[in-house]
Amino acid sequence: MQNVLDRITANPKFLEFVAMRSRYSIIMAIISASAYYGFILLVAFNKEFLATKMGPGMTTSIGVPIGVGVIAFTILLTWIYVRRANTEFDAINESLIKEAQK
């Protein structure tokens, strides 16, 4: 088993794969964090905007759908990441293992 592991970690394709997957994860994390921190900054610096009612006679402020939108956006980002991980990343991983077992 150790021999297969050594062959996988020594494979330049594996190093490219790890770098690609890490870059993708970091980009997705930055996008997700930006959405959350952007909302928090909006709460901190523009409360009046978030407190604006959705329309005349409505009790819901504009901050509620924006907050729900942030949550929905990060769920969407998670789905995108998982989909890519379960297809492209898993396929590359499997091919690296098969190549090392030869």
PDB file of N, CA and C in Angstrom:
ATOM      1  N   MET A   1       0.829  -1.200   0.000  1.00  0.00           N
ATOM      2  CA  MET A   1       0.000   0.000   0.000  1.00  0.00           C
ATOM      3  C   MET A   1       0.865   1.253   0.000  1.00  0.00           C
ATOM      4  N   GLN A   2       1.932   1.245   0.797  1.00  0.00           N
ATOM      5  CA  GLN A   2       2.794   2.419   0.876  1.00  0.00           C
ATOM      6  C   GLN A   2       3.424   2.718  -0.482  1.00  0.00           C
ATOM      7  N   ASN A   3       3.759   1.662  -1.233  1.00  0.00           N
ATOM      8  CA  ASN A   3       4.357   1.841  -2.553  1.00  0.00           C
ATOM      9  C   ASN A   3       3.404   2.583  -3.490  1.00  0.00           C
ATOM     10  N   VAL A   4       2.115   2.244  -3.453  1.00  0.00           N
ATOM     11  CA  VAL A   4       1.112   2.920  -4.280  1.00  0.00           C
ATOM     12  C   VAL A   4       0.983   4.377  -3.846  1.00  0.00           C
ATOM     13  N   LEU A   5       0.961   4.600  -2.550  1.00  0.00           N
ATOM     14  CA  LEU A   5       0.872   5.962  -2.036  1.00  0.00           C
ATOM     15  C   LEU A   5       2.076   6.793  -2.459  1.00  0.00           C
ATOM     16  N   ASP A   6       3.258   6.200  -2.405  1.00  0.00           N
ATOM     17  CA  ASP A   6       4.466   6.913  -2.832  1.00  0.00           C
ATOM     18  C   ASP A   6       4.402   7.259  -4.318  1.00  0.00           C
ATOM     19  N   ARG A   7       3.902   6.320  -5.125  1.00  0.00           N
ATOM     20  CA  ARG A   7       3.787   6.586  -6.570  1.00  0.00           C
ATOM     21  C   ARG A   7       2.765   7.674  -6.855  1.00  0.00           C
ATOM     22  N   ILE A   8       1.673   7.684  -6.104  1.00  0.00           N
ATOM     23  CA  ILE A   8       0.654   8.723  -6.306  1.00  0.00           C
ATOM     24  C   ILE A   8       1.222  10.086  -5.947  1.00  0.00           C
ATOM     25  N   THR A   9       1.833  10.205  -4.774  1.00  0.00           N
ATOM     26  CA  THR A   9       2.340  11.506  -4.331  1.00  0.00           C
ATOM     27  C   THR A   9       3.524  11.989  -5.153  1.00  0.00           C
ATOM     28  N   ALA A  10       4.221  11.094  -5.814  1.00  0.00           N
ATOM     29  CA  ALA A  10       5.346  11.496  -6.669  1.00  0.00           C
ATOM     30  C   ALA A  10       4.905  11.859  -8.082  1.00  0.00           C
ATOM     31  N   ASN A  11       3.674  11.549  -8.426  1.00  0.00           N
ATOM     32  CA  ASN A  11       3.156  11.800  -9.770  1.00  0.00           C
ATOM     33  C   ASN A  11       2.921  13.304  -9.970  1.00  0.00           C
ATOM     34  N   PRO A  12       3.499  13.901 -11.016  1.00  0.00           N
ATOM     35  CA  PRO A  12       3.269  15.332 -11.274  1.00  0.00           C
ATOM     36  C   PRO A  12       1.793  15.658 -11.518  1.00  0.00           C
ATOM     37  N   LYS A  13       1.043  14.698 -12.060  1.00  0.00           N
ATOM     38  CA  LYS A  13      -0.392  14.914 -12.264  1.00  0.00           C
ATOM     39  C   LYS A  13      -1.108  15.078 -10.917  1.00  0.00           C
ATOM     40  N   PHE A  14      -0.646  14.346  -9.908  1.00  0.00           N
ATOM     41  CA  PHE A  14      -1.232  14.459  -8.577  1.00  0.00           C
ATOM     42  C   PHE A  14      -0.976  15.847  -8.008  1.00  0.00           C
ATOM     43  N   LEU A  15       0.239  16.336  -8.165  1.00  0.00           N
ATOM     44  CA  LEU A  15       0.571  17.669  -7.654  1.00  0.00           C
ATOM     45  C   LEU A  15      -0.246  18.742  -8.366  1.00  0.00           C
ATOM     46  N   GLU A  16      -0.452  18.583  -9.673  1.00  0.00           N
ATOM     47  CA  GLU A  16      -1.312  19.513 -10.418  1.00  0.00           C
ATOM     48  C   GLU A  16      -2.753  19.439  -9.912  1.00  0.00           C
ATOM     49  N   PHE A  17      -3.210  18.218  -9.663  1.00  0.00           N
ATOM     50  CA  PHE A  17      -4.566  18.003  -9.172  1.00  0.00           C
ATOM     51  C   PHE A  17      -4.774  18.673  -7.809  1.00  0.00           C
ATOM     52  N   VAL A  18      -3.826  18.480  -6.911  1.00  0.00           N
ATOM     53  CA  VAL A  18      -3.928  19.085  -5.573  1.00  0.00           C
ATOM     54  C   VAL A  18      -3.940  20.610  -5.681  1.00  0.00           C
ATOM     55  N   ALA A  19      -3.080  21.150  -6.535  1.00  0.00           N
ATOM     56  CA  ALA A  19      -3.032  22.605  -6.712  1.00  0.00           C
ATOM     57  C   ALA A  19      -4.341  23.130  -7.304  1.00  0.00           C
ATOM     58  N   MET A  20      -4.882  22.427  -8.311  1.00  0.00           N
ATOM     59  CA  MET A  20      -6.136  22.845  -8.943  1.00  0.00           C
ATOM     60  C   MET A  20      -7.292  22.801  -7.937  1.00  0.00           C
ATOM     61  N   ARG A  21      -7.370  21.717  -7.194  1.00  0.00           N
ATOM     62  CA  ARG A  21      -8.441  21.565  -6.213  1.00  0.00           C
ATOM     63  C   ARG A  21      -8.321  22.600  -5.100  1.00  0.00           C
ATOM     64  N   SER A  22      -7.104  22.884  -4.669  1.00  0.00           N
ATOM     65  CA  SER A  22      -6.889  23.892  -3.624  1.00  0.00           C
ATOM     66  C   SER A  22      -7.274  25.281  -4.109  1.00  0.00           C
ATOM     67  N   ARG A  23      -6.876  25.624  -5.334  1.00  0.00           N
ATOM     68  CA  ARG A  23      -7.238  26.926  -5.902  1.00  0.00           C
ATOM     69  C   ARG A  23      -8.748  27.079  -5.968  1.00  0.00           C
ATOM     70  N   TYR A  24      -9.412  26.041  -6.454  1.00  0.00           N
ATOM     71  CA  TYR A  24     -10.867  26.075  -6.578  1.00  0.00           C
ATOM     72  C   TYR A  24     -11.529  26.241  -5.212  1.00  0.00           C
ATOM     73  N   SER A  25     -11.050  25.500  -4.220  1.00  0.00           N
ATOM     74  CA  SER A  25     -11.609  25.590  -2.870  1.00  0.00           C
ATOM     75  C   SER A  25     -11.413  26.981  -2.287  1.00  0.00           C
ATOM     76  N   ILE A  26     -10.239  27.549  -2.488  1.00  0.00           N
ATOM     77  CA  ILE A  26      -9.954  28.880  -1.954  1.00  0.00           C
ATOM     78  C   ILE A  26     -10.832  29.927  -2.626  1.00  0.00           C
ATOM     79  N   ILE A  27     -10.980  29.835  -3.937  1.00  0.00           N
ATOM     80  CA  ILE A  27     -11.828  30.786  -4.657  1.00  0.00           C
ATOM     81  C   ILE A  27     -13.270  30.698  -4.165  1.00  0.00           C
ATOM     82  N   MET A  28     -13.782  29.484  -4.016  1.00  0.00           N
ATOM     83  CA  MET A  28     -15.156  29.313  -3.544  1.00  0.00           C
ATOM     84  C   MET A  28     -15.314  29.831  -2.112  1.00  0.00           C
ATOM     85  N   ALA A  29     -14.312  29.609  -1.273  1.00  0.00           N
ATOM     86  CA  ALA A  29     -14.374  30.101   0.105  1.00  0.00           C
ATOM     87  C   ALA A  29     -14.357  31.631   0.140  1.00  0.00           C
ATOM     88  N   ILE A  30     -13.542  32.235  -0.701  1.00  0.00           N
ATOM     89  CA  ILE A  30     -13.475  33.701  -0.752  1.00  0.00           C
ATOM     90  C   ILE A  30     -14.802  34.283  -1.228  1.00  0.00           C
ATOM     91  N   ILE A  31     -15.388  33.682  -2.245  1.00  0.00           N
ATOM     92  CA  ILE A  31     -16.684  34.161  -2.740  1.00  0.00           C
ATOM     93  C   ILE A  31     -17.751  34.047  -1.655  1.00  0.00           C
ATOM     94  N   SER A  32     -17.774  32.903  -0.972  1.00  0.00           N
ATOM     95  CA  SER A  32     -18.758  32.684   0.085  1.00  0.00           C
ATOM     96  C   SER A  32     -18.541  33.659   1.240  1.00  0.00           C
ATOM     97  N   ALA A  33     -17.313  33.811   1.676  1.00  0.00           N
ATOM     98  CA  ALA A  33     -17.008  34.731   2.776  1.00  0.00           C
ATOM     99  C   ALA A  33     -17.325  36.171   2.383  1.00  0.00           C
ATOM    100  N   SER A  34     -17.089  36.517   1.126  1.00  0.00           N
ATOM    101  CA  SER A  34     -17.390  37.873   0.661  1.00  0.00           C
ATOM    102  C   SER A  34     -18.888  38.167   0.757  1.00  0.00           C
ATOM    103  N   ALA A  35     -19.698  37.172   0.428  1.00  0.00           N
ATOM    104  CA  ALA A  35     -21.146  37.361   0.528  1.00  0.00           C
ATOM    105  C   ALA A  35     -21.551  37.593   1.981  1.00  0.00           C
ATOM    106  N   TYR A  36     -21.051  36.758   2.889  1.00  0.00           N
ATOM    107  CA  TYR A  36     -21.391  36.920   4.304  1.00  0.00           C
ATOM    108  C   TYR A  36     -20.849  38.228   4.870  1.00  0.00           C
ATOM    109  N   TYR A  37     -19.577  38.505   4.639  1.00  0.00           N
ATOM    110  CA  TYR A  37     -18.991  39.733   5.183  1.00  0.00           C
ATOM    111  C   TYR A  37     -19.587  40.974   4.532  1.00  0.00           C
ATOM    112  N   GLY A  38     -19.944  40.880   3.263  1.00  0.00           N
ATOM    113  CA  GLY A  38     -20.611  42.006   2.610  1.00  0.00           C
ATOM    114  C   GLY A  38     -21.934  42.315   3.289  1.00  0.00           C
ATOM    115  N   PHE A  39     -22.673  41.282   3.631  1.00  0.00           N
ATOM    116  CA  PHE A  39     -23.944  41.483   4.330  1.00  0.00           C
ATOM    117  C   PHE A  39     -23.708  42.095   5.711  1.00  0.00           C
ATOM    118  N   ILE A  40     -22.715  41.592   6.426  1.00  0.00           N
ATOM    119  CA  ILE A  40     -22.404  42.123   7.755  1.00  0.00           C
ATOM    120  C   ILE A  40     -21.961  43.582   7.658  1.00  0.00           C
ATOM    121  N   LEU A  41     -21.174  43.917   6.647  1.00  0.00           N
ATOM    122  CA  LEU A  41     -20.769  45.312   6.455  1.00  0.00           C
ATOM    123  C   LEU A  41     -21.974  46.188   6.131  1.00  0.00           C
ATOM    124  N   LEU A  42     -22.892  45.648   5.373  1.00  0.00           N
ATOM    125  CA  LEU A  42     -24.122  46.381   5.077  1.00  0.00           C
ATOM    126  C   LEU A  42     -24.917  46.634   6.360  1.00  0.00           C
ATOM    127  N   VAL A  43     -24.982  45.633   7.214  1.00  0.00           N
ATOM    128  CA  VAL A  43     -25.663  45.792   8.504  1.00  0.00           C
ATOM    129  C   VAL A  43     -24.953  46.860   9.336  1.00  0.00           C
ATOM    130  N   ALA A  44     -23.635  46.836   9.325  1.00  0.00           N
ATOM    131  CA  ALA A  44     -22.865  47.765  10.159  1.00  0.00           C
ATOM    132  C   ALA A  44     -22.928  49.202   9.655  1.00  0.00           C
ATOM    133  N   PHE A  45     -22.900  49.390   8.338  1.00  0.00           N
ATOM    134  CA  PHE A  45     -22.742  50.742   7.802  1.00  0.00           C
ATOM    135  C   PHE A  45     -23.957  51.309   7.069  1.00  0.00           C
ATOM    136  N   ASN A  46     -24.989  50.498   6.824  1.00  0.00           N
ATOM    137  CA  ASN A  46     -26.152  51.026   6.118  1.00  0.00           C
ATOM    138  C   ASN A  46     -27.436  50.386   6.653  1.00  0.00           C
ATOM    139  N   LYS A  47     -27.625  50.523   7.948  1.00  0.00           N
ATOM    140  CA  LYS A  47     -28.817  49.948   8.592  1.00  0.00           C
ATOM    141  C   LYS A  47     -30.103  50.523   8.015  1.00  0.00           C
ATOM    142  N   GLU A  48     -30.048  51.795   7.643  1.00  0.00           N
ATOM    143  CA  GLU A  48     -31.242  52.464   7.124  1.00  0.00           C
ATOM    144  C   GLU A  48     -31.745  51.774   5.847  1.00  0.00           C
ATOM    145  N   PHE A  49     -30.820  51.397   4.983  1.00  0.00           N
ATOM    146  CA  PHE A  49     -31.202  50.703   3.744  1.00  0.00           C
ATOM    147  C   PHE A  49     -31.860  49.370   4.061  1.00  0.00           C
ATOM    148  N   LEU A  50     -31.241  48.606   4.955  1.00  0.00           N
ATOM    149  CA  LEU A  50     -31.786  47.290   5.299  1.00  0.00           C
ATOM    150  C   LEU A  50     -33.125  47.393   6.013  1.00  0.00           C
ATOM    151  N   ALA A  51     -33.354  48.493   6.707  1.00  0.00           N
ATOM    152  CA  ALA A  51     -34.609  48.684   7.431  1.00  0.00           C
ATOM    153  C   ALA A  51     -35.729  49.198   6.531  1.00  0.00           C
ATOM    154  N   THR A  52     -35.412  49.554   5.286  1.00  0.00           N
ATOM    155  CA  THR A  52     -36.417  50.057   4.360  1.00  0.00           C
ATOM    156  C   THR A  52     -37.477  48.976   4.110  1.00  0.00           C
ATOM    157  N   LYS A  53     -38.732  49.353   4.238  1.00  0.00           N
ATOM    158  CA  LYS A  53     -39.829  48.397   4.010  1.00  0.00           C
ATOM    159  C   LYS A  53     -39.900  48.017   2.536  1.00  0.00           C
ATOM    160  N   MET A  54     -40.342  46.805   2.280  1.00  0.00           N
ATOM    161  CA  MET A  54     -40.425  46.285   0.910  1.00  0.00           C
ATOM    162  C   MET A  54     -41.436  47.057   0.068  1.00  0.00           C
ATOM    163  N   GLY A  55     -42.417  47.594   0.687  1.00  0.00           N
ATOM    164  CA  GLY A  55     -43.444  48.342  -0.036  1.00  0.00           C
ATOM    165  C   GLY A  55     -44.389  48.990   0.951  1.00  0.00           C
ATOM    166  N   PRO A  56     -45.278  49.827   0.450  1.00  0.00           N
ATOM    167  CA  PRO A  56     -46.223  50.487   1.357  1.00  0.00           C
ATOM    168  C   PRO A  56     -47.134  49.462   2.036  1.00  0.00           C
ATOM    169  N   GLY A  57     -47.261  49.604   3.335  1.00  0.00           N
ATOM    170  CA  GLY A  57     -48.137  48.715   4.098  1.00  0.00           C
ATOM    171  C   GLY A  57     -47.514  47.368   4.420  1.00  0.00           C
ATOM    172  N   MET A  58     -46.290  47.127   3.968  1.00  0.00           N
ATOM    173  CA  MET A  58     -45.625  45.845   4.250  1.00  0.00           C
ATOM    174  C   MET A  58     -44.803  45.966   5.521  1.00  0.00           C
ATOM    175  N   THR A  59     -44.687  44.888   6.247  1.00  0.00           N
ATOM    176  CA  THR A  59     -43.891  44.905   7.476  1.00  0.00           C
ATOM    177  C   THR A  59     -42.485  44.365   7.256  1.00  0.00           C
ATOM    178  N   THR A  60     -42.262  43.652   6.179  1.00  0.00           N
ATOM    179  CA  THR A  60     -40.951  43.062   5.909  1.00  0.00           C
ATOM    180  C   THR A  60     -40.004  44.115   5.357  1.00  0.00           C
ATOM    181  N   SER A  61     -38.812  44.167   5.929  1.00  0.00           N
ATOM    182  CA  SER A  61     -37.802  45.102   5.430  1.00  0.00           C
ATOM    183  C   SER A  61     -36.971  44.421   4.348  1.00  0.00           C
ATOM    184  N   ILE A  62     -36.242  45.221   3.604  1.00  0.00           N
ATOM    185  CA  ILE A  62     -35.442  44.699   2.492  1.00  0.00           C
ATOM    186  C   ILE A  62     -34.287  43.831   2.987  1.00  0.00           C
ATOM    187  N   GLY A  63     -33.912  43.979   4.251  1.00  0.00           N
ATOM    188  CA  GLY A  63     -32.824  43.175   4.806  1.00  0.00           C
ATOM    189  C   GLY A  63     -33.138  41.696   4.881  1.00  0.00           C
ATOM    190  N   VAL A  64     -34.403  41.356   5.059  1.00  0.00           N
ATOM    191  CA  VAL A  64     -34.788  39.943   5.187  1.00  0.00           C
ATOM    192  C   VAL A  64     -34.520  39.169   3.890  1.00  0.00           C
ATOM    193  N   PRO A  65     -35.024  39.612   2.735  1.00  0.00           N
ATOM    194  CA  PRO A  65     -34.726  38.845   1.526  1.00  0.00           C
ATOM    195  C   PRO A  65     -33.244  38.884   1.147  1.00  0.00           C
ATOM    196  N   ILE A  66     -32.554  39.967   1.488  1.00  0.00           N
ATOM    197  CA  ILE A  66     -31.112  39.993   1.215  1.00  0.00           C
ATOM    198  C   ILE A  66     -30.410  38.947   2.073  1.00  0.00           C
ATOM    199  N   GLY A  67     -30.772  38.851   3.349  1.00  0.00           N
ATOM    200  CA  GLY A  67     -30.183  37.838   4.228  1.00  0.00           C
ATOM    201  C   GLY A  67     -30.480  36.422   3.753  1.00  0.00           C
ATOM    202  N   VAL A  68     -31.715  36.190   3.357  1.00  0.00           N
ATOM    203  CA  VAL A  68     -32.086  34.874   2.817  1.00  0.00           C
ATOM    204  C   VAL A  68     -31.317  34.611   1.517  1.00  0.00           C
ATOM    205  N   GLY A  69     -31.141  35.655   0.725  1.00  0.00           N
ATOM    206  CA  GLY A  69     -30.378  35.525  -0.521  1.00  0.00           C
ATOM    207  C   GLY A  69     -28.931  35.139  -0.276  1.00  0.00           C
ATOM    208  N   VAL A  70     -28.326  35.691   0.760  1.00  0.00           N
ATOM    209  CA  VAL A  70     -26.944  35.333   1.106  1.00  0.00           C
ATOM    210  C   VAL A  70     -26.866  33.851   1.464  1.00  0.00           C
ATOM    211  N   ILE A  71     -27.807  33.395   2.260  1.00  0.00           N
ATOM    212  CA  ILE A  71     -27.825  31.979   2.643  1.00  0.00           C
ATOM    213  C   ILE A  71     -28.055  31.097   1.419  1.00  0.00           C
ATOM    214  N   ALA A  72     -29.017  31.471   0.577  1.00  0.00           N
ATOM    215  CA  ALA A  72     -29.296  30.692  -0.637  1.00  0.00           C
ATOM    216  C   ALA A  72     -28.081  30.685  -1.564  1.00  0.00           C
ATOM    217  N   PHE A  73     -27.390  31.816  -1.659  1.00  0.00           N
ATOM    218  CA  PHE A  73     -26.201  31.919  -2.512  1.00  0.00           C
ATOM    219  C   PHE A  73     -25.105  30.969  -2.044  1.00  0.00           C
ATOM    220  N   THR A  74     -24.885  30.909  -0.731  1.00  0.00           N
ATOM    221  CA  THR A  74     -23.841  30.008  -0.241  1.00  0.00           C
ATOM    222  C   THR A  74     -24.258  28.536  -0.367  1.00  0.00           C
ATOM    223  N   ILE A  75     -25.542  28.256  -0.266  1.00  0.00           N
ATOM    224  CA  ILE A  75     -26.003  26.889  -0.526  1.00  0.00           C
ATOM    225  C   ILE A  75     -25.752  26.529  -1.988  1.00  0.00           C
ATOM    226  N   LEU A  76     -26.024  27.468  -2.888  1.00  0.00           N
ATOM    227  CA  LEU A  76     -25.750  27.253  -4.313  1.00  0.00           C
ATOM    228  C   LEU A  76     -24.261  27.025  -4.553  1.00  0.00           C
ATOM    229  N   LEU A  77     -23.401  27.812  -3.923  1.00  0.00           N
ATOM    230  CA  LEU A  77     -21.955  27.621  -4.071  1.00  0.00           C
ATOM    231  C   LEU A  77     -21.528  26.242  -3.571  1.00  0.00           C
ATOM    232  N   THR A  78     -22.116  25.817  -2.460  1.00  0.00           N
ATOM    233  CA  THR A  78     -21.802  24.491  -1.930  1.00  0.00           C
ATOM    234  C   THR A  78     -22.218  23.410  -2.914  1.00  0.00           C
ATOM    235  N   TRP A  79     -23.408  23.547  -3.495  1.00  0.00           N
ATOM    236  CA  TRP A  79     -23.884  22.573  -4.481  1.00  0.00           C
ATOM    237  C   TRP A  79     -22.945  22.531  -5.685  1.00  0.00           C
ATOM    238  N   ILE A  80     -22.511  23.690  -6.163  1.00  0.00           N
ATOM    239  CA  ILE A  80     -21.586  23.753  -7.301  1.00  0.00           C
ATOM    240  C   ILE A  80     -20.281  23.045  -6.954  1.00  0.00           C
ATOM    241  N   TYR A  81     -19.749  23.311  -5.766  1.00  0.00           N
ATOM    242  CA  TYR A  81     -18.501  22.665  -5.360  1.00  0.00           C
ATOM    243  C   TYR A  81     -18.668  21.150  -5.259  1.00  0.00           C
ATOM    244  N   VAL A  82     -19.724  20.713  -4.603  1.00  0.00           N
ATOM    245  CA  VAL A  82     -19.944  19.270  -4.426  1.00  0.00           C
ATOM    246  C   VAL A  82     -20.123  18.581  -5.774  1.00  0.00           C
ATOM    247  N   ARG A  83     -20.848  19.220  -6.675  1.00  0.00           N
ATOM    248  CA  ARG A  83     -21.051  18.633  -8.001  1.00  0.00           C
ATOM    249  C   ARG A  83     -19.721  18.448  -8.732  1.00  0.00           C
ATOM    250  N   ARG A  84     -18.877  19.478  -8.684  1.00  0.00           N
ATOM    251  CA  ARG A  84     -17.574  19.363  -9.341  1.00  0.00           C
ATOM    252  C   ARG A  84     -16.698  18.336  -8.640  1.00  0.00           C
ATOM    253  N   ALA A  85     -16.738  18.317  -7.306  1.00  0.00           N
ATOM    254  CA  ALA A  85     -15.938  17.360  -6.552  1.00  0.00           C
ATOM    255  C   ALA A  85     -16.367  15.922  -6.851  1.00  0.00           C
ATOM    256  N   ASN A  86     -17.663  15.696  -6.982  1.00  0.00           N
ATOM    257  CA  ASN A  86     -18.171  14.339  -7.210  1.00  0.00           C
ATOM    258  C   ASN A  86     -18.017  13.877  -8.654  1.00  0.00           C
ATOM    259  N   THR A  87     -17.752  14.779  -9.558  1.00  0.00           N
ATOM    260  CA  THR A  87     -17.583  14.380 -10.962  1.00  0.00           C
ATOM    261  C   THR A  87     -16.120  14.517 -11.361  1.00  0.00           C
ATOM    262  N   GLU A  88     -15.694  15.716 -11.601  1.00  0.00           N
ATOM    263  CA  GLU A  88     -14.342  15.961 -12.125  1.00  0.00           C
ATOM    264  C   GLU A  88     -13.250  15.538 -11.142  1.00  0.00           C
ATOM    265  N   PHE A  89     -13.346  15.990  -9.888  1.00  0.00           N
ATOM    266  CA  PHE A  89     -12.287  15.682  -8.922  1.00  0.00           C
ATOM    267  C   PHE A  89     -12.209  14.190  -8.630  1.00  0.00           C
ATOM    268  N   ASP A  90     -13.354  13.542  -8.470  1.00  0.00           N
ATOM    269  CA  ASP A  90     -13.355  12.104  -8.212  1.00  0.00           C
ATOM    270  C   ASP A  90     -12.810  11.322  -9.401  1.00  0.00           C
ATOM    271  N   ALA A  91     -13.120  11.755 -10.605  1.00  0.00           N
ATOM    272  CA  ALA A  91     -12.613  11.066 -11.804  1.00  0.00           C
ATOM    273  C   ALA A  91     -11.097  11.188 -11.889  1.00  0.00           C
ATOM    274  N   ILE A  92     -10.579  12.363 -11.637  1.00  0.00           N
ATOM    275  CA  ILE A  92      -9.124  12.548 -11.661  1.00  0.00           C
ATOM    276  C   ILE A  92      -8.470  11.719 -10.572  1.00  0.00           C
ATOM    277  N   ASN A  93      -9.049  11.737  -9.397  1.00  0.00           N
ATOM    278  CA  ASN A  93      -8.528  10.959  -8.279  1.00  0.00           C
ATOM    279  C   ASN A  93      -8.486   9.468  -8.626  1.00  0.00           C
ATOM    280  N   GLU A  94      -9.568   8.983  -9.190  1.00  0.00           N
ATOM    281  CA  GLU A  94      -9.637   7.558  -9.577  1.00  0.00           C
ATOM    282  C   GLU A  94      -8.587   7.215 -10.633  1.00  0.00           C
ATOM    283  N   SER A  95      -8.403   8.090 -11.612  1.00  0.00           N
ATOM    284  CA  SER A  95      -7.410   7.815 -12.646  1.00  0.00           C
ATOM    285  C   SER A  95      -5.994   7.835 -12.073  1.00  0.00           C
ATOM    286  N   LEU A  96      -5.716   8.678 -11.117  1.00  0.00           N
ATOM    287  CA  LEU A  96      -4.398   8.700 -10.479  1.00  0.00           C
ATOM    288  C   LEU A  96      -4.153   7.413  -9.704  1.00  0.00           C
ATOM    289  N   ILE A  97      -5.161   6.914  -9.020  1.00  0.00           N
ATOM    290  CA  ILE A  97      -5.020   5.662  -8.266  1.00  0.00           C
ATOM    291  C   ILE A  97      -4.790   4.500  -9.220  1.00  0.00           C
ATOM    292  N   LYS A  98      -5.575   4.429 -10.303  1.00  0.00           N
ATOM    293  CA  LYS A  98      -5.399   3.339 -11.274  1.00  0.00           C
ATOM    294  C   LYS A  98      -4.022   3.385 -11.907  1.00  0.00           C
ATOM    295  N   GLU A  99      -3.559   4.584 -12.233  1.00  0.00           N
ATOM    296  CA  GLU A  99      -2.234   4.744 -12.835  1.00  0.00           C
ATOM    297  C   GLU A  99      -1.134   4.275 -11.872  1.00  0.00           C
ATOM    298  N   ALA A 100      -1.293   4.551 -10.597  1.00  0.00           N
ATOM    299  CA  ALA A 100      -0.283   4.171  -9.610  1.00  0.00           C
ATOM    300  C   ALA A 100      -0.288   2.673  -9.324  1.00  0.00           C
ATOM    301  N   GLN A 101      -1.417   2.003  -9.549  1.00  0.00           N
ATOM    302  CA  GLN A 101      -1.516   0.578  -9.270  1.00  0.00           C
ATOM    303  C   GLN A 101      -0.974  -0.290 -10.398  1.00  0.00           C
ATOM    304  N   LYS A 102      -0.655   0.315 -11.515  1.00  0.00           N
ATOM    305  CA  LYS A 102      -0.141  -0.466 -12.650  1.00  0.00           C
ATOM    306  C   LYS A 102       1.271  -0.945 -12.392  1.00  0.00           C
TER     307      LYS A 102
END
